[in-house]
């Protein structure tokens, strides 16, 4: 190969490298990656989204965008579930439940069941998240079993003459 061909190839490679280093989309993608590494998923998500708006073919930004969104969804799910768990615990502290409280507990369970069913794990949850999810799943399934039993006992009482 001639010297000119090597110079052209070298310039071409240098141009490609400069594009990936200086293009706004790839700069944002690198910032998103850094935010993701320090577990700032909201910032990583927003930076990756902005990067994809500039270049929808930026694979690095797409990966960070997807992973950050998943981390955010799991965190929001766990936060909502914890609030519902605490609300249910407060209701269950009472010795006698009103029909309204009983229905509220049913609603809390149904909300959990719907959300866990729609929560997609395109990326696996962390071991800690998986453990929390499993613990909540067991607790809410137990709550549902107790509510079902209480409901059938309640209706049996009403049917007796």
N, C-alpha and C. Protein backbone atom coordinates (compact mmCIF):
# COMPACT_ATOMS: atom_id res chain seq x y z
N UNK A 1 0.84 -1.17 0.00
CA UNK A 1 0.00 0.00 0.00
C UNK A 1 0.89 1.24 0.00
N UNK A 2 0.45 2.24 -0.72
CA UNK A 2 1.27 3.44 -0.84
C UNK A 2 1.13 4.32 0.40
N UNK A 3 2.05 5.24 0.50
CA UNK A 3 2.07 6.16 1.64
C UNK A 3 0.81 7.02 1.68
N UNK A 4 0.33 7.43 0.50
CA UNK A 4 -0.88 8.26 0.42
C UNK A 4 -2.10 7.49 0.95
N UNK A 5 -2.19 6.23 0.63
CA UNK A 5 -3.31 5.41 1.09
C UNK A 5 -3.31 5.32 2.61
N UNK A 6 -2.14 5.13 3.20
CA UNK A 6 -2.03 5.08 4.66
C UNK A 6 -2.42 6.41 5.29
N UNK A 7 -2.04 7.49 4.67
CA UNK A 7 -2.38 8.82 5.18
C UNK A 7 -3.90 9.02 5.12
N UNK A 8 -4.52 8.61 4.01
CA UNK A 8 -5.98 8.74 3.86
C UNK A 8 -6.68 7.88 4.91
N UNK A 9 -6.23 6.64 5.09
CA UNK A 9 -6.84 5.76 6.10
C UNK A 9 -6.65 6.34 7.49
N UNK A 10 -5.46 6.85 7.78
CA UNK A 10 -5.19 7.46 9.08
C UNK A 10 -6.08 8.67 9.33
N UNK A 11 -6.23 9.51 8.33
CA UNK A 11 -7.10 10.69 8.47
C UNK A 11 -8.56 10.28 8.66
N UNK A 12 -8.96 9.26 7.94
CA UNK A 12 -10.33 8.76 8.06
C UNK A 12 -10.59 8.24 9.48
N UNK A 13 -9.67 7.45 9.99
CA UNK A 13 -9.81 6.92 11.35
C UNK A 13 -9.78 8.04 12.39
N UNK A 14 -8.92 9.01 12.18
CA UNK A 14 -8.85 10.17 13.09
C UNK A 14 -10.16 10.95 13.06
N UNK A 15 -10.73 11.11 11.86
CA UNK A 15 -12.02 11.80 11.73
C UNK A 15 -13.14 11.07 12.45
N UNK A 16 -13.16 9.76 12.31
CA UNK A 16 -14.18 8.95 12.98
C UNK A 16 -14.03 9.06 14.49
N UNK A 17 -12.80 8.94 14.98
CA UNK A 17 -12.54 9.06 16.42
C UNK A 17 -12.95 10.44 16.93
N UNK A 18 -12.61 11.48 16.18
CA UNK A 18 -12.97 12.85 16.59
C UNK A 18 -14.49 13.00 16.64
N UNK A 19 -15.20 12.41 15.67
CA UNK A 19 -16.66 12.49 15.67
C UNK A 19 -17.23 11.89 16.96
N UNK A 20 -16.75 10.69 17.32
CA UNK A 20 -17.28 10.03 18.51
C UNK A 20 -16.87 10.73 19.80
N UNK A 21 -15.75 11.43 19.78
CA UNK A 21 -15.32 12.15 20.98
C UNK A 21 -15.99 13.52 21.12
N UNK A 22 -16.28 14.16 19.99
CA UNK A 22 -16.75 15.53 20.04
C UNK A 22 -18.24 15.70 19.75
N UNK A 23 -18.88 14.71 19.15
CA UNK A 23 -20.30 14.83 18.82
C UNK A 23 -21.12 15.01 20.10
N UNK A 24 -22.04 15.97 20.12
CA UNK A 24 -22.84 16.23 21.33
C UNK A 24 -23.56 15.00 21.86
N UNK A 25 -24.07 14.18 20.96
CA UNK A 25 -24.78 12.98 21.40
C UNK A 25 -23.87 12.05 22.20
N UNK A 26 -22.65 11.88 21.73
CA UNK A 26 -21.74 10.97 22.41
C UNK A 26 -21.17 11.59 23.69
N UNK A 27 -21.05 12.90 23.73
CA UNK A 27 -20.65 13.56 24.98
C UNK A 27 -21.71 13.36 26.04
N UNK A 28 -22.96 13.54 25.65
CA UNK A 28 -24.07 13.31 26.59
C UNK A 28 -24.12 11.85 27.03
N UNK A 29 -23.85 10.96 26.10
CA UNK A 29 -23.87 9.53 26.42
C UNK A 29 -22.81 9.20 27.47
N UNK A 30 -21.63 9.79 27.34
CA UNK A 30 -20.57 9.54 28.33
C UNK A 30 -20.96 10.12 29.69
N UNK A 31 -21.60 11.29 29.70
CA UNK A 31 -22.07 11.87 30.97
C UNK A 31 -23.13 10.96 31.59
N UNK A 32 -24.01 10.44 30.76
CA UNK A 32 -25.06 9.53 31.25
C UNK A 32 -24.43 8.28 31.86
N UNK A 33 -23.39 7.76 31.22
CA UNK A 33 -22.72 6.56 31.73
C UNK A 33 -22.10 6.84 33.11
N UNK A 34 -21.50 8.01 33.26
CA UNK A 34 -20.90 8.37 34.55
C UNK A 34 -21.98 8.51 35.63
N UNK A 35 -23.10 9.12 35.28
CA UNK A 35 -24.21 9.27 36.24
C UNK A 35 -24.74 7.89 36.62
N UNK A 36 -24.84 7.00 35.66
CA UNK A 36 -25.33 5.64 35.94
C UNK A 36 -24.37 4.91 36.88
N UNK A 37 -23.08 5.07 36.66
CA UNK A 37 -22.08 4.39 37.49
C UNK A 37 -22.14 4.81 38.96
N UNK A 38 -22.57 6.06 39.21
CA UNK A 38 -22.69 6.52 40.61
C UNK A 38 -24.14 6.40 41.10
N UNK A 39 -24.94 5.62 40.36
CA UNK A 39 -26.31 5.29 40.73
C UNK A 39 -27.25 6.50 40.77
N UNK A 40 -26.95 7.50 39.95
CA UNK A 40 -27.85 8.63 39.79
C UNK A 40 -28.69 8.34 38.54
N UNK A 41 -29.69 7.46 38.70
CA UNK A 41 -30.42 6.93 37.57
C UNK A 41 -31.30 7.97 36.89
N UNK A 42 -31.86 8.89 37.64
CA UNK A 42 -32.70 9.93 37.03
C UNK A 42 -31.86 10.79 36.07
N UNK A 43 -30.70 11.22 36.53
CA UNK A 43 -29.84 12.04 35.68
C UNK A 43 -29.36 11.23 34.48
N UNK A 44 -28.97 9.98 34.71
CA UNK A 44 -28.51 9.12 33.61
C UNK A 44 -29.62 8.96 32.57
N UNK A 45 -30.83 8.75 33.04
CA UNK A 45 -31.98 8.59 32.14
C UNK A 45 -32.19 9.86 31.30
N UNK A 46 -32.18 11.02 31.97
CA UNK A 46 -32.42 12.28 31.26
C UNK A 46 -31.31 12.59 30.26
N UNK A 47 -30.05 12.35 30.65
CA UNK A 47 -28.94 12.60 29.73
C UNK A 47 -28.98 11.65 28.54
N UNK A 48 -29.28 10.39 28.79
CA UNK A 48 -29.36 9.41 27.70
C UNK A 48 -30.52 9.74 26.76
N UNK A 49 -31.63 10.18 27.33
CA UNK A 49 -32.78 10.56 26.51
C UNK A 49 -32.42 11.75 25.61
N UNK A 50 -31.75 12.73 26.18
CA UNK A 50 -31.32 13.89 25.41
C UNK A 50 -30.34 13.47 24.30
N UNK A 51 -29.45 12.56 24.63
CA UNK A 51 -28.50 12.05 23.65
C UNK A 51 -29.22 11.36 22.50
N UNK A 52 -30.23 10.57 22.83
CA UNK A 52 -30.98 9.86 21.79
C UNK A 52 -31.81 10.80 20.92
N UNK A 53 -32.22 11.93 21.49
CA UNK A 53 -32.93 12.92 20.68
C UNK A 53 -32.01 13.51 19.62
N UNK A 54 -30.72 13.62 19.96
CA UNK A 54 -29.75 14.15 19.01
C UNK A 54 -29.31 13.08 18.00
N UNK A 55 -29.21 11.84 18.47
CA UNK A 55 -28.78 10.74 17.60
C UNK A 55 -29.48 9.46 18.04
N UNK A 56 -30.58 9.11 17.38
CA UNK A 56 -31.34 7.92 17.80
C UNK A 56 -30.60 6.60 17.58
N UNK A 57 -29.46 6.64 16.91
CA UNK A 57 -28.69 5.42 16.65
C UNK A 57 -27.51 5.26 17.62
N UNK A 58 -27.46 6.08 18.64
CA UNK A 58 -26.38 6.00 19.64
C UNK A 58 -26.67 4.81 20.55
N UNK A 59 -25.99 3.70 20.30
CA UNK A 59 -26.25 2.45 21.03
C UNK A 59 -25.89 2.58 22.50
N UNK A 60 -24.82 3.30 22.80
CA UNK A 60 -24.44 3.48 24.20
C UNK A 60 -25.52 4.22 24.98
N UNK A 61 -26.05 5.26 24.39
CA UNK A 61 -27.12 6.03 25.05
C UNK A 61 -28.37 5.18 25.19
N UNK A 62 -28.66 4.37 24.19
CA UNK A 62 -29.85 3.53 24.26
C UNK A 62 -29.75 2.54 25.42
N UNK A 63 -28.57 1.94 25.58
CA UNK A 63 -28.37 0.98 26.68
C UNK A 63 -28.53 1.65 28.04
N UNK A 64 -27.94 2.82 28.20
CA UNK A 64 -28.04 3.54 29.48
C UNK A 64 -29.48 3.98 29.71
N UNK A 65 -30.13 4.43 28.67
CA UNK A 65 -31.53 4.86 28.75
C UNK A 65 -32.40 3.70 29.25
N UNK A 66 -32.24 2.53 28.66
CA UNK A 66 -33.04 1.36 29.04
C UNK A 66 -32.74 0.91 30.47
N UNK A 67 -31.46 0.81 30.80
CA UNK A 67 -31.09 0.34 32.13
C UNK A 67 -31.51 1.34 33.21
N UNK A 68 -31.35 2.62 32.94
CA UNK A 68 -31.75 3.64 33.92
C UNK A 68 -33.26 3.61 34.14
N UNK A 69 -34.00 3.49 33.05
CA UNK A 69 -35.46 3.44 33.16
C UNK A 69 -35.88 2.24 34.01
N UNK A 70 -35.23 1.10 33.80
CA UNK A 70 -35.56 -0.08 34.59
C UNK A 70 -35.26 0.13 36.06
N UNK A 71 -34.11 0.69 36.37
CA UNK A 71 -33.74 0.96 37.77
C UNK A 71 -34.76 1.91 38.40
N UNK A 72 -35.18 2.92 37.66
CA UNK A 72 -36.16 3.89 38.16
C UNK A 72 -37.50 3.21 38.40
N UNK A 73 -37.94 2.38 37.46
CA UNK A 73 -39.22 1.68 37.62
C UNK A 73 -39.21 0.77 38.84
N UNK A 74 -38.13 0.04 39.03
CA UNK A 74 -38.05 -0.86 40.19
C UNK A 74 -38.05 -0.06 41.48
N UNK A 75 -37.29 1.04 41.51
CA UNK A 75 -37.25 1.87 42.73
C UNK A 75 -38.63 2.46 43.03
N UNK A 76 -39.30 2.98 42.02
CA UNK A 76 -40.64 3.54 42.23
C UNK A 76 -41.62 2.47 42.70
N UNK A 77 -41.53 1.28 42.12
CA UNK A 77 -42.39 0.18 42.53
C UNK A 77 -42.15 -0.15 44.00
N UNK A 78 -40.89 -0.27 44.38
CA UNK A 78 -40.57 -0.60 45.78
C UNK A 78 -41.02 0.51 46.73
N UNK A 79 -40.87 1.76 46.33
CA UNK A 79 -41.32 2.88 47.18
C UNK A 79 -42.83 2.86 47.37
N UNK A 80 -43.58 2.67 46.27
CA UNK A 80 -45.05 2.60 46.37
C UNK A 80 -45.48 1.40 47.21
N UNK A 81 -44.83 0.28 46.99
CA UNK A 81 -45.18 -0.94 47.72
C UNK A 81 -44.91 -0.77 49.20
N UNK A 82 -43.81 -0.13 49.54
CA UNK A 82 -43.49 0.10 50.96
C UNK A 82 -44.55 1.00 51.60
N UNK A 83 -44.97 2.05 50.90
CA UNK A 83 -46.01 2.94 51.44
C UNK A 83 -47.31 2.17 51.63
N UNK A 84 -47.69 1.34 50.65
CA UNK A 84 -48.92 0.55 50.77
C UNK A 84 -48.81 -0.48 51.89
N UNK A 85 -47.65 -1.07 52.05
CA UNK A 85 -47.40 -2.04 53.12
C UNK A 85 -47.59 -1.35 54.48
N UNK A 86 -47.01 -0.17 54.63
CA UNK A 86 -47.12 0.57 55.90
C UNK A 86 -48.57 0.98 56.17
N UNK A 87 -49.27 1.38 55.13
CA UNK A 87 -50.69 1.74 55.28
C UNK A 87 -51.50 0.52 55.71
N UNK A 88 -51.23 -0.62 55.10
CA UNK A 88 -51.94 -1.85 55.46
C UNK A 88 -51.61 -2.24 56.90
N UNK A 89 -50.38 -2.10 57.30
CA UNK A 89 -49.98 -2.42 58.67
C UNK A 89 -50.74 -1.56 59.69
N UNK A 90 -50.90 -0.29 59.38
CA UNK A 90 -51.65 0.60 60.28
C UNK A 90 -53.10 0.15 60.41
N UNK A 91 -53.71 -0.24 59.31
CA UNK A 91 -55.09 -0.71 59.34
C UNK A 91 -55.19 -2.00 60.15
N UNK A 92 -54.23 -2.89 59.95
CA UNK A 92 -54.26 -4.20 60.60
C UNK A 92 -54.00 -4.13 62.10
N UNK A 93 -53.53 -3.01 62.59
CA UNK A 93 -53.29 -2.86 64.04
C UNK A 93 -54.61 -2.81 64.81
N UNK A 94 -55.69 -2.49 64.12
CA UNK A 94 -56.98 -2.38 64.77
C UNK A 94 -57.53 -3.78 65.06
N UNK A 95 -58.26 -3.88 66.16
CA UNK A 95 -58.81 -5.19 66.53
C UNK A 95 -60.02 -5.56 65.67
N UNK A 96 -60.77 -4.56 65.20
CA UNK A 96 -61.94 -4.80 64.36
C UNK A 96 -61.86 -3.86 63.16
N UNK A 97 -62.11 -4.41 61.98
CA UNK A 97 -62.06 -3.60 60.77
C UNK A 97 -63.46 -3.20 60.33
N UNK A 98 -63.57 -1.98 59.87
CA UNK A 98 -64.83 -1.54 59.27
C UNK A 98 -64.88 -2.09 57.85
N UNK A 99 -66.06 -2.13 57.25
CA UNK A 99 -66.14 -2.57 55.85
C UNK A 99 -65.26 -1.70 54.93
N UNK A 100 -65.19 -0.42 55.23
CA UNK A 100 -64.35 0.48 54.44
C UNK A 100 -62.87 0.08 54.55
N UNK A 101 -62.42 -0.24 55.74
CA UNK A 101 -61.02 -0.64 55.94
C UNK A 101 -60.74 -1.98 55.26
N UNK A 102 -61.71 -2.87 55.34
CA UNK A 102 -61.56 -4.16 54.66
C UNK A 102 -61.39 -3.95 53.16
N UNK A 103 -62.24 -3.10 52.58
CA UNK A 103 -62.14 -2.80 51.15
C UNK A 103 -60.83 -2.09 50.82
N UNK A 104 -60.38 -1.25 51.72
CA UNK A 104 -59.11 -0.55 51.52
C UNK A 104 -57.96 -1.55 51.46
N UNK A 105 -57.98 -2.55 52.33
CA UNK A 105 -56.95 -3.59 52.30
C UNK A 105 -57.02 -4.39 51.00
N UNK A 106 -58.23 -4.70 50.55
CA UNK A 106 -58.38 -5.40 49.27
C UNK A 106 -57.79 -4.56 48.13
N UNK A 107 -58.08 -3.26 48.16
CA UNK A 107 -57.56 -2.36 47.13
C UNK A 107 -56.03 -2.32 47.18
N UNK A 108 -55.45 -2.28 48.37
CA UNK A 108 -53.99 -2.26 48.51
C UNK A 108 -53.40 -3.52 47.91
N UNK A 109 -54.01 -4.67 48.22
CA UNK A 109 -53.50 -5.93 47.64
C UNK A 109 -53.63 -5.92 46.12
N UNK A 110 -54.79 -5.53 45.61
CA UNK A 110 -55.02 -5.55 44.17
C UNK A 110 -54.07 -4.60 43.44
N UNK A 111 -53.76 -3.47 44.06
CA UNK A 111 -52.78 -2.54 43.47
C UNK A 111 -51.42 -3.22 43.36
N UNK A 112 -51.01 -3.88 44.45
CA UNK A 112 -49.73 -4.59 44.43
C UNK A 112 -49.73 -5.67 43.35
N UNK A 113 -50.78 -6.48 43.30
CA UNK A 113 -50.84 -7.59 42.34
C UNK A 113 -50.77 -7.07 40.91
N UNK A 114 -51.45 -5.98 40.63
CA UNK A 114 -51.43 -5.41 39.28
C UNK A 114 -50.04 -4.89 38.94
N UNK A 115 -49.43 -4.18 39.89
CA UNK A 115 -48.13 -3.57 39.61
C UNK A 115 -47.03 -4.62 39.46
N UNK A 116 -47.06 -5.65 40.28
CA UNK A 116 -46.00 -6.67 40.16
C UNK A 116 -46.16 -7.43 38.86
N UNK A 117 -47.38 -7.58 38.40
CA UNK A 117 -47.63 -8.27 37.14
C UNK A 117 -47.12 -7.47 35.95
N UNK A 118 -47.26 -6.15 36.02
CA UNK A 118 -46.86 -5.31 34.89
C UNK A 118 -45.40 -4.86 34.96
N UNK A 119 -44.77 -5.08 36.10
CA UNK A 119 -43.36 -4.69 36.23
C UNK A 119 -42.52 -5.65 35.38
N UNK A 120 -41.87 -5.11 34.40
CA UNK A 120 -41.07 -5.97 33.52
C UNK A 120 -39.61 -5.87 33.92
N UNK A 121 -38.96 -7.00 33.94
CA UNK A 121 -37.54 -7.03 34.30
C UNK A 121 -36.72 -7.31 33.05
N UNK A 122 -36.58 -6.28 32.20
CA UNK A 122 -35.72 -6.47 31.04
C UNK A 122 -34.27 -6.57 31.50
N UNK A 123 -33.99 -5.94 32.61
CA UNK A 123 -32.71 -6.12 33.29
C UNK A 123 -33.04 -6.70 34.65
N UNK A 124 -32.25 -7.59 35.10
CA UNK A 124 -32.53 -8.25 36.38
C UNK A 124 -32.42 -7.23 37.51
N UNK A 125 -33.29 -7.37 38.52
CA UNK A 125 -33.14 -6.51 39.69
C UNK A 125 -31.87 -6.88 40.43
N UNK A 126 -31.37 -5.96 41.20
CA UNK A 126 -30.20 -6.28 42.02
C UNK A 126 -30.62 -7.36 43.03
N UNK A 127 -29.68 -8.08 43.60
CA UNK A 127 -30.05 -9.10 44.60
C UNK A 127 -30.87 -8.51 45.75
N UNK A 128 -30.51 -7.31 46.18
CA UNK A 128 -31.27 -6.67 47.27
C UNK A 128 -32.69 -6.36 46.83
N UNK A 129 -32.86 -5.84 45.61
CA UNK A 129 -34.20 -5.53 45.10
C UNK A 129 -35.01 -6.82 44.94
N UNK A 130 -34.38 -7.86 44.42
CA UNK A 130 -35.09 -9.14 44.24
C UNK A 130 -35.56 -9.69 45.58
N UNK A 131 -34.74 -9.55 46.61
CA UNK A 131 -35.12 -10.02 47.94
C UNK A 131 -36.29 -9.21 48.48
N UNK A 132 -36.25 -7.88 48.32
CA UNK A 132 -37.35 -7.03 48.78
C UNK A 132 -38.64 -7.37 48.04
N UNK A 133 -38.54 -7.54 46.74
CA UNK A 133 -39.72 -7.87 45.93
C UNK A 133 -40.32 -9.19 46.40
N UNK A 134 -39.48 -10.18 46.62
CA UNK A 134 -39.97 -11.49 47.06
C UNK A 134 -40.63 -11.41 48.44
N UNK A 135 -40.03 -10.64 49.35
CA UNK A 135 -40.61 -10.48 50.69
C UNK A 135 -41.97 -9.80 50.61
N UNK A 136 -42.06 -8.74 49.82
CA UNK A 136 -43.35 -8.06 49.66
C UNK A 136 -44.36 -8.99 49.01
N UNK A 137 -43.93 -9.77 48.03
CA UNK A 137 -44.84 -10.69 47.34
C UNK A 137 -45.42 -11.70 48.33
N UNK A 138 -44.58 -12.27 49.16
CA UNK A 138 -45.05 -13.23 50.16
C UNK A 138 -46.02 -12.56 51.14
N UNK A 139 -45.68 -11.38 51.61
CA UNK A 139 -46.53 -10.70 52.59
C UNK A 139 -47.88 -10.36 51.98
N UNK A 140 -47.90 -9.80 50.77
CA UNK A 140 -49.16 -9.41 50.15
C UNK A 140 -50.00 -10.63 49.77
N UNK A 141 -49.36 -11.72 49.37
CA UNK A 141 -50.12 -12.95 49.09
C UNK A 141 -50.76 -13.49 50.37
N UNK A 142 -50.03 -13.40 51.47
CA UNK A 142 -50.58 -13.81 52.76
C UNK A 142 -51.76 -12.92 53.15
N UNK A 143 -51.61 -11.63 52.94
CA UNK A 143 -52.71 -10.68 53.22
C UNK A 143 -53.94 -11.06 52.39
N UNK A 144 -53.73 -11.34 51.12
CA UNK A 144 -54.86 -11.70 50.26
C UNK A 144 -55.54 -12.97 50.75
N UNK A 145 -54.77 -13.96 51.16
CA UNK A 145 -55.36 -15.21 51.67
C UNK A 145 -56.20 -14.93 52.91
N UNK A 146 -55.70 -14.08 53.79
CA UNK A 146 -56.45 -13.73 55.01
C UNK A 146 -57.72 -12.96 54.67
N UNK A 147 -57.62 -12.06 53.71
CA UNK A 147 -58.80 -11.28 53.30
C UNK A 147 -59.85 -12.19 52.65
N UNK A 148 -59.39 -13.12 51.85
CA UNK A 148 -60.31 -14.06 51.20
C UNK A 148 -61.02 -14.91 52.25
N UNK A 149 -60.26 -15.41 53.21
CA UNK A 149 -60.85 -16.22 54.28
C UNK A 149 -61.84 -15.39 55.10
N UNK A 150 -61.45 -14.19 55.44
CA UNK A 150 -62.34 -13.32 56.23
C UNK A 150 -63.59 -12.98 55.44
N UNK A 151 -63.44 -12.76 54.16
CA UNK A 151 -64.58 -12.42 53.31
C UNK A 151 -65.57 -13.59 53.24
N UNK A 152 -65.06 -14.80 53.06
CA UNK A 152 -65.97 -15.95 52.97
C UNK A 152 -66.64 -16.21 54.31
N UNK A 153 -65.95 -16.01 55.42
CA UNK A 153 -66.57 -16.16 56.75
C UNK A 153 -67.64 -15.10 56.97
N UNK A 154 -67.36 -13.89 56.52
CA UNK A 154 -68.31 -12.80 56.68
C UNK A 154 -69.61 -13.10 55.94
N UNK A 155 -69.48 -13.58 54.69
CA UNK A 155 -70.67 -13.87 53.90
C UNK A 155 -71.40 -15.09 54.42
N UNK A 156 -70.72 -16.06 54.97
CA UNK A 156 -71.37 -17.23 55.54
C UNK A 156 -72.24 -16.80 56.74
N UNK A 157 -71.75 -15.86 57.53
CA UNK A 157 -72.53 -15.37 58.67
C UNK A 157 -73.82 -14.70 58.19
N UNK A 158 -73.69 -13.90 57.11
CA UNK A 158 -74.85 -13.19 56.61
C UNK A 158 -75.90 -14.13 56.02
N UNK A 159 -75.51 -15.29 55.54
CA UNK A 159 -76.45 -16.20 54.92
C UNK A 159 -77.22 -17.06 55.93
N UNK A 160 -76.71 -17.19 57.14
CA UNK A 160 -77.39 -18.00 58.14
C UNK A 160 -78.65 -17.29 58.62
N UNK A 161 -79.77 -18.09 58.82
CA UNK A 161 -81.03 -17.48 59.26
C UNK A 161 -80.98 -17.04 60.72
